[in-house]
Amino acid sequence: EIYTRSIVGSVRCVQETDIGELLYEQEHYEKAAEQFLKALQIKVDDVEILSNLGNALTKIRDYTHAWVAFDEALKISPANTQILENYLLCLLEGKEFEKFDEMIAKIKFLTADVKTRLQN
């Protein structure tokens, strides 16, 4: 029974995500965001859904909530360059220049740290 519920939940999550992506492509960003939120109720730690939500919220200029979605996605996948790029664009659009500069500094630090580790 637990296995069956898991499969049903996974199928529902995929359906909600697919509907959200279709709505996003049709430029119905607010409805897409609602669908992505429904999908996250089923699978709270899905990086792709969090990123899609952040993108949809950016399109409707709900920057504060978009930043939260991108932050959560980066906690799960901190080296995901697509999420980083979308997050930085969202920060610029929302005129959060200080936070943008902080993120750039973090990226530079992480890049330098990786180079150091590779050299040792």
N, C-alpha and C. Protein backbone atom coordinates (compact mmCIF):
# COMPACT_ATOMS: atom_id res chain seq x y z
N GLU A 1 0.82 -1.20 0.00
CA GLU A 1 0.00 0.00 0.00
C GLU A 1 0.87 1.27 0.00
N ILE A 2 1.94 1.26 0.77
CA ILE A 2 2.85 2.41 0.79
C ILE A 2 3.49 2.59 -0.58
N TYR A 3 3.87 1.48 -1.19
CA TYR A 3 4.48 1.52 -2.53
C TYR A 3 3.50 2.11 -3.54
N THR A 4 2.24 1.67 -3.46
CA THR A 4 1.21 2.17 -4.39
C THR A 4 1.00 3.67 -4.19
N ARG A 5 0.93 4.13 -2.94
CA ARG A 5 0.77 5.56 -2.67
C ARG A 5 1.95 6.35 -3.21
N SER A 6 3.15 5.78 -3.10
CA SER A 6 4.34 6.45 -3.61
C SER A 6 4.29 6.62 -5.12
N ILE A 7 3.86 5.57 -5.81
CA ILE A 7 3.74 5.63 -7.27
C ILE A 7 2.67 6.65 -7.68
N VAL A 8 1.54 6.60 -7.01
CA VAL A 8 0.45 7.54 -7.31
C VAL A 8 0.92 8.98 -7.07
N GLY A 9 1.64 9.19 -5.97
CA GLY A 9 2.17 10.52 -5.67
C GLY A 9 3.15 10.99 -6.73
N SER A 10 4.02 10.08 -7.18
CA SER A 10 4.99 10.42 -8.22
C SER A 10 4.30 10.79 -9.53
N VAL A 11 3.27 10.02 -9.89
CA VAL A 11 2.53 10.30 -11.12
C VAL A 11 1.83 11.65 -11.01
N ARG A 12 1.22 11.92 -9.87
CA ARG A 12 0.55 13.22 -9.67
C ARG A 12 1.53 14.36 -9.74
N CYS A 13 2.71 14.19 -9.16
CA CYS A 13 3.75 15.22 -9.19
C CYS A 13 4.17 15.52 -10.62
N VAL A 14 4.37 14.46 -11.40
CA VAL A 14 4.75 14.64 -12.81
C VAL A 14 3.63 15.35 -13.56
N GLN A 15 2.40 14.98 -13.30
CA GLN A 15 1.27 15.63 -13.98
C GLN A 15 1.22 17.12 -13.64
N GLU A 16 1.34 17.44 -12.36
CA GLU A 16 1.29 18.85 -11.94
C GLU A 16 2.44 19.63 -12.58
N THR A 17 3.62 19.02 -12.61
CA THR A 17 4.78 19.67 -13.21
C THR A 17 4.59 19.87 -14.71
N ASP A 18 4.09 18.85 -15.38
CA ASP A 18 3.85 18.95 -16.83
C ASP A 18 2.84 20.05 -17.14
N ILE A 19 1.77 20.12 -16.35
CA ILE A 19 0.77 21.18 -16.56
C ILE A 19 1.41 22.54 -16.33
N GLY A 20 2.22 22.65 -15.28
CA GLY A 20 2.91 23.91 -15.00
C GLY A 20 3.82 24.33 -16.14
N GLU A 21 4.56 23.37 -16.69
CA GLU A 21 5.46 23.69 -17.80
C GLU A 21 4.69 24.12 -19.05
N LEU A 22 3.56 23.47 -19.30
CA LEU A 22 2.71 23.85 -20.44
C LEU A 22 2.17 25.27 -20.25
N LEU A 23 1.68 25.56 -19.05
CA LEU A 23 1.17 26.90 -18.76
C LEU A 23 2.28 27.95 -18.89
N TYR A 24 3.47 27.60 -18.45
CA TYR A 24 4.61 28.51 -18.55
C TYR A 24 4.92 28.81 -20.02
N GLU A 25 4.95 27.77 -20.83
CA GLU A 25 5.21 27.94 -22.27
C GLU A 25 4.15 28.81 -22.93
N GLN A 26 2.92 28.75 -22.42
CA GLN A 26 1.83 29.56 -22.96
C GLN A 26 1.78 30.95 -22.32
N GLU A 27 2.78 31.24 -21.51
CA GLU A 27 2.94 32.54 -20.83
C GLU A 27 1.85 32.83 -19.80
N HIS A 28 1.29 31.77 -19.23
CA HIS A 28 0.35 31.89 -18.11
C HIS A 28 1.15 31.65 -16.83
N TYR A 29 1.99 32.62 -16.50
CA TYR A 29 2.99 32.42 -15.45
C TYR A 29 2.40 32.25 -14.06
N GLU A 30 1.34 33.00 -13.76
CA GLU A 30 0.75 32.88 -12.42
C GLU A 30 0.14 31.49 -12.22
N LYS A 31 -0.57 31.01 -13.22
CA LYS A 31 -1.16 29.66 -13.14
C LYS A 31 -0.06 28.59 -13.13
N ALA A 32 1.02 28.84 -13.87
CA ALA A 32 2.15 27.90 -13.86
C ALA A 32 2.73 27.82 -12.45
N ALA A 33 2.91 28.97 -11.82
CA ALA A 33 3.45 28.99 -10.45
C ALA A 33 2.55 28.19 -9.51
N GLU A 34 1.23 28.34 -9.67
CA GLU A 34 0.30 27.58 -8.83
C GLU A 34 0.48 26.07 -9.03
N GLN A 35 0.68 25.65 -10.28
CA GLN A 35 0.89 24.23 -10.57
C GLN A 35 2.19 23.73 -9.95
N PHE A 36 3.23 24.53 -10.05
CA PHE A 36 4.51 24.12 -9.46
C PHE A 36 4.40 24.02 -7.94
N LEU A 37 3.62 24.92 -7.34
CA LEU A 37 3.39 24.83 -5.89
C LEU A 37 2.65 23.53 -5.53
N LYS A 38 1.68 23.14 -6.36
CA LYS A 38 0.98 21.87 -6.13
C LYS A 38 1.96 20.69 -6.23
N ALA A 39 2.84 20.75 -7.21
CA ALA A 39 3.82 19.67 -7.37
C ALA A 39 4.76 19.62 -6.16
N LEU A 40 5.12 20.79 -5.63
CA LEU A 40 6.02 20.82 -4.47
C LEU A 40 5.36 20.28 -3.21
N GLN A 41 4.04 20.31 -3.15
CA GLN A 41 3.35 19.71 -2.01
C GLN A 41 3.54 18.20 -2.01
N ILE A 42 3.77 17.63 -3.18
CA ILE A 42 3.98 16.19 -3.31
C ILE A 42 5.46 15.86 -3.14
N LYS A 43 6.31 16.67 -3.75
CA LYS A 43 7.76 16.41 -3.72
C LYS A 43 8.48 17.72 -3.39
N VAL A 44 8.68 17.96 -2.09
CA VAL A 44 9.14 19.26 -1.60
C VAL A 44 10.57 19.61 -1.97
N ASP A 45 11.37 18.63 -2.28
CA ASP A 45 12.80 18.89 -2.49
C ASP A 45 13.23 18.69 -3.94
N ASP A 46 12.33 18.89 -4.87
CA ASP A 46 12.64 18.70 -6.28
C ASP A 46 13.26 19.99 -6.84
N VAL A 47 14.51 19.92 -7.22
CA VAL A 47 15.27 21.08 -7.70
C VAL A 47 14.64 21.67 -8.96
N GLU A 48 14.23 20.82 -9.88
CA GLU A 48 13.66 21.30 -11.14
C GLU A 48 12.36 22.06 -10.89
N ILE A 49 11.52 21.54 -10.02
CA ILE A 49 10.25 22.20 -9.73
C ILE A 49 10.50 23.53 -9.02
N LEU A 50 11.42 23.54 -8.07
CA LEU A 50 11.76 24.79 -7.38
C LEU A 50 12.29 25.84 -8.35
N SER A 51 13.13 25.40 -9.27
CA SER A 51 13.68 26.32 -10.27
C SER A 51 12.59 26.83 -11.20
N ASN A 52 11.70 25.93 -11.65
CA ASN A 52 10.58 26.34 -12.50
C ASN A 52 9.68 27.35 -11.77
N LEU A 53 9.45 27.09 -10.49
CA LEU A 53 8.65 28.01 -9.69
C LEU A 53 9.32 29.39 -9.63
N GLY A 54 10.62 29.39 -9.37
CA GLY A 54 11.36 30.65 -9.33
C GLY A 54 11.27 31.41 -10.64
N ASN A 55 11.37 30.69 -11.75
CA ASN A 55 11.27 31.34 -13.06
C ASN A 55 9.87 31.92 -13.30
N ALA A 56 8.83 31.16 -12.95
CA ALA A 56 7.46 31.64 -13.13
C ALA A 56 7.20 32.87 -12.25
N LEU A 57 7.67 32.83 -11.02
CA LEU A 57 7.47 33.96 -10.11
C LEU A 57 8.23 35.19 -10.59
N THR A 58 9.40 34.97 -11.18
CA THR A 58 10.16 36.08 -11.74
C THR A 58 9.36 36.75 -12.86
N LYS A 59 8.73 35.95 -13.69
CA LYS A 59 7.95 36.48 -14.82
C LYS A 59 6.79 37.37 -14.36
N ILE A 60 6.21 37.04 -13.18
CA ILE A 60 5.10 37.87 -12.68
C ILE A 60 5.60 38.91 -11.67
N ARG A 61 6.91 39.08 -11.62
CA ARG A 61 7.58 40.08 -10.78
C ARG A 61 7.35 39.86 -9.28
N ASP A 62 7.14 38.62 -8.89
CA ASP A 62 7.05 38.28 -7.47
C ASP A 62 8.44 37.85 -7.03
N TYR A 63 9.34 38.82 -7.00
CA TYR A 63 10.76 38.54 -6.80
C TYR A 63 11.04 37.94 -5.43
N THR A 64 10.39 38.42 -4.39
CA THR A 64 10.65 37.93 -3.04
C THR A 64 10.43 36.42 -2.96
N HIS A 65 9.32 35.95 -3.49
CA HIS A 65 9.04 34.51 -3.45
C HIS A 65 9.93 33.74 -4.44
N ALA A 66 10.27 34.37 -5.55
CA ALA A 66 11.18 33.73 -6.51
C ALA A 66 12.53 33.48 -5.86
N TRP A 67 13.03 34.48 -5.10
CA TRP A 67 14.32 34.32 -4.43
C TRP A 67 14.29 33.15 -3.46
N VAL A 68 13.17 33.00 -2.75
CA VAL A 68 13.03 31.87 -1.81
C VAL A 68 13.10 30.55 -2.57
N ALA A 69 12.41 30.47 -3.70
CA ALA A 69 12.42 29.23 -4.50
C ALA A 69 13.84 28.92 -4.98
N PHE A 70 14.53 29.94 -5.50
CA PHE A 70 15.90 29.72 -5.97
C PHE A 70 16.84 29.37 -4.81
N ASP A 71 16.67 30.03 -3.67
CA ASP A 71 17.49 29.71 -2.49
C ASP A 71 17.33 28.24 -2.10
N GLU A 72 16.08 27.78 -2.07
CA GLU A 72 15.81 26.39 -1.70
C GLU A 72 16.42 25.43 -2.72
N ALA A 73 16.31 25.76 -3.99
CA ALA A 73 16.90 24.90 -5.03
C ALA A 73 18.41 24.83 -4.88
N LEU A 74 19.03 25.97 -4.56
CA LEU A 74 20.49 26.00 -4.42
C LEU A 74 20.97 25.29 -3.16
N LYS A 75 20.13 25.22 -2.14
CA LYS A 75 20.50 24.45 -0.94
C LYS A 75 20.64 22.97 -1.31
N ILE A 76 19.80 22.52 -2.23
CA ILE A 76 19.80 21.12 -2.64
C ILE A 76 20.89 20.87 -3.69
N SER A 77 21.06 21.82 -4.59
CA SER A 77 22.00 21.65 -5.70
C SER A 77 22.83 22.94 -5.87
N PRO A 78 23.79 23.17 -4.97
CA PRO A 78 24.51 24.45 -4.94
C PRO A 78 25.38 24.74 -6.17
N ALA A 79 25.73 23.75 -6.93
CA ALA A 79 26.60 23.97 -8.08
C ALA A 79 25.82 23.99 -9.40
N ASN A 80 24.51 24.02 -9.32
CA ASN A 80 23.68 24.02 -10.52
C ASN A 80 23.75 25.38 -11.19
N THR A 81 24.48 25.45 -12.29
CA THR A 81 24.74 26.74 -12.94
C THR A 81 23.48 27.35 -13.55
N GLN A 82 22.54 26.53 -13.99
CA GLN A 82 21.30 27.06 -14.56
C GLN A 82 20.49 27.79 -13.49
N ILE A 83 20.41 27.20 -12.30
CA ILE A 83 19.68 27.84 -11.21
C ILE A 83 20.41 29.12 -10.79
N LEU A 84 21.72 29.06 -10.69
CA LEU A 84 22.49 30.25 -10.34
C LEU A 84 22.25 31.38 -11.35
N GLU A 85 22.27 31.05 -12.62
CA GLU A 85 22.06 32.05 -13.65
C GLU A 85 20.66 32.67 -13.55
N ASN A 86 19.63 31.82 -13.38
CA ASN A 86 18.27 32.33 -13.26
C ASN A 86 18.09 33.17 -11.99
N TYR A 87 18.74 32.75 -10.91
CA TYR A 87 18.67 33.48 -9.65
C TYR A 87 19.31 34.86 -9.81
N LEU A 88 20.46 34.91 -10.45
CA LEU A 88 21.15 36.19 -10.66
C LEU A 88 20.31 37.12 -11.54
N LEU A 89 19.70 36.58 -12.58
CA LEU A 89 18.83 37.40 -13.43
C LEU A 89 17.63 37.93 -12.64
N CYS A 90 17.08 37.09 -11.79
CA CYS A 90 15.95 37.50 -10.95
C CYS A 90 16.38 38.63 -9.99
N LEU A 91 17.56 38.50 -9.41
CA LEU A 91 18.06 39.54 -8.51
C LEU A 91 18.23 40.86 -9.25
N LEU A 92 18.74 40.79 -10.46
CA LEU A 92 18.91 42.02 -11.25
C LEU A 92 17.56 42.64 -11.60
N GLU A 93 16.63 41.80 -12.04
CA GLU A 93 15.31 42.32 -12.39
C GLU A 93 14.62 42.95 -11.19
N GLY A 94 14.84 42.37 -10.01
CA GLY A 94 14.24 42.89 -8.79
C GLY A 94 15.05 44.00 -8.16
N LYS A 95 16.11 44.41 -8.84
CA LYS A 95 16.98 45.50 -8.40
C LYS A 95 17.59 45.25 -7.01
N GLU A 96 17.90 43.98 -6.77
CA GLU A 96 18.58 43.59 -5.52
C GLU A 96 20.07 43.50 -5.80
N PHE A 97 20.68 44.66 -6.04
CA PHE A 97 22.07 44.70 -6.46
C PHE A 97 23.04 44.23 -5.38
N GLU A 98 22.72 44.53 -4.12
CA GLU A 98 23.59 44.10 -3.03
C GLU A 98 23.60 42.57 -2.92
N LYS A 99 22.41 41.98 -2.99
CA LYS A 99 22.32 40.51 -2.93
C LYS A 99 22.98 39.89 -4.16
N PHE A 100 22.83 40.55 -5.31
CA PHE A 100 23.49 40.10 -6.54
C PHE A 100 25.01 40.06 -6.34
N ASP A 101 25.56 41.14 -5.78
CA ASP A 101 27.00 41.21 -5.52
C ASP A 101 27.44 40.13 -4.54
N GLU A 102 26.61 39.84 -3.54
CA GLU A 102 26.93 38.78 -2.57
C GLU A 102 26.99 37.42 -3.27
N MET A 103 26.05 37.17 -4.16
CA MET A 103 26.03 35.89 -4.88
C MET A 103 27.25 35.77 -5.80
N ILE A 104 27.62 36.85 -6.46
CA ILE A 104 28.81 36.83 -7.32
C ILE A 104 30.05 36.54 -6.48
N ALA A 105 30.13 37.16 -5.31
CA ALA A 105 31.28 36.92 -4.42
C ALA A 105 31.33 35.45 -3.98
N LYS A 106 30.17 34.87 -3.67
CA LYS A 106 30.11 33.45 -3.29
C LYS A 106 30.59 32.56 -4.44
N ILE A 107 30.14 32.90 -5.64
CA ILE A 107 30.52 32.11 -6.81
C ILE A 107 32.03 32.19 -7.02
N LYS A 108 32.58 33.39 -6.90
CA LYS A 108 34.04 33.56 -7.05
C LYS A 108 34.79 32.77 -5.99
N PHE A 109 34.28 32.80 -4.74
CA PHE A 109 34.92 32.06 -3.66
C PHE A 109 34.87 30.57 -3.94
N LEU A 110 33.70 30.06 -4.34
CA LEU A 110 33.57 28.63 -4.63
C LEU A 110 34.47 28.21 -5.78
N THR A 111 34.55 29.05 -6.81
CA THR A 111 35.39 28.75 -7.95
C THR A 111 36.86 28.69 -7.54
N ALA A 112 37.29 29.64 -6.72
CA ALA A 112 38.68 29.66 -6.23
C ALA A 112 38.95 28.44 -5.36
N ASP A 113 37.97 28.07 -4.52
CA ASP A 113 38.12 26.92 -3.64
C ASP A 113 38.27 25.63 -4.45
N VAL A 114 37.48 25.49 -5.49
CA VAL A 114 37.56 24.30 -6.36
C VAL A 114 38.92 24.25 -7.05
N LYS A 115 39.39 25.39 -7.55
CA LYS A 115 40.70 25.44 -8.22
C LYS A 115 41.80 25.02 -7.25
N THR A 116 41.73 25.50 -6.02
CA THR A 116 42.72 25.14 -5.00
C THR A 116 42.71 23.65 -4.74
N ARG A 117 41.53 23.08 -4.59
CA ARG A 117 41.43 21.64 -4.34
C ARG A 117 41.96 20.82 -5.50
N LEU A 118 41.69 21.26 -6.72
CA LEU A 118 42.17 20.53 -7.89
C LEU A 118 43.68 20.59 -8.01
N GLN A 119 44.27 21.68 -7.58
CA GLN A 119 45.72 21.82 -7.67
C GLN A 119 46.45 21.02 -6.61
N ASN A 120 45.79 20.70 -5.53
CA ASN A 120 46.44 19.92 -4.43
C ASN A 120 46.29 18.45 -4.58
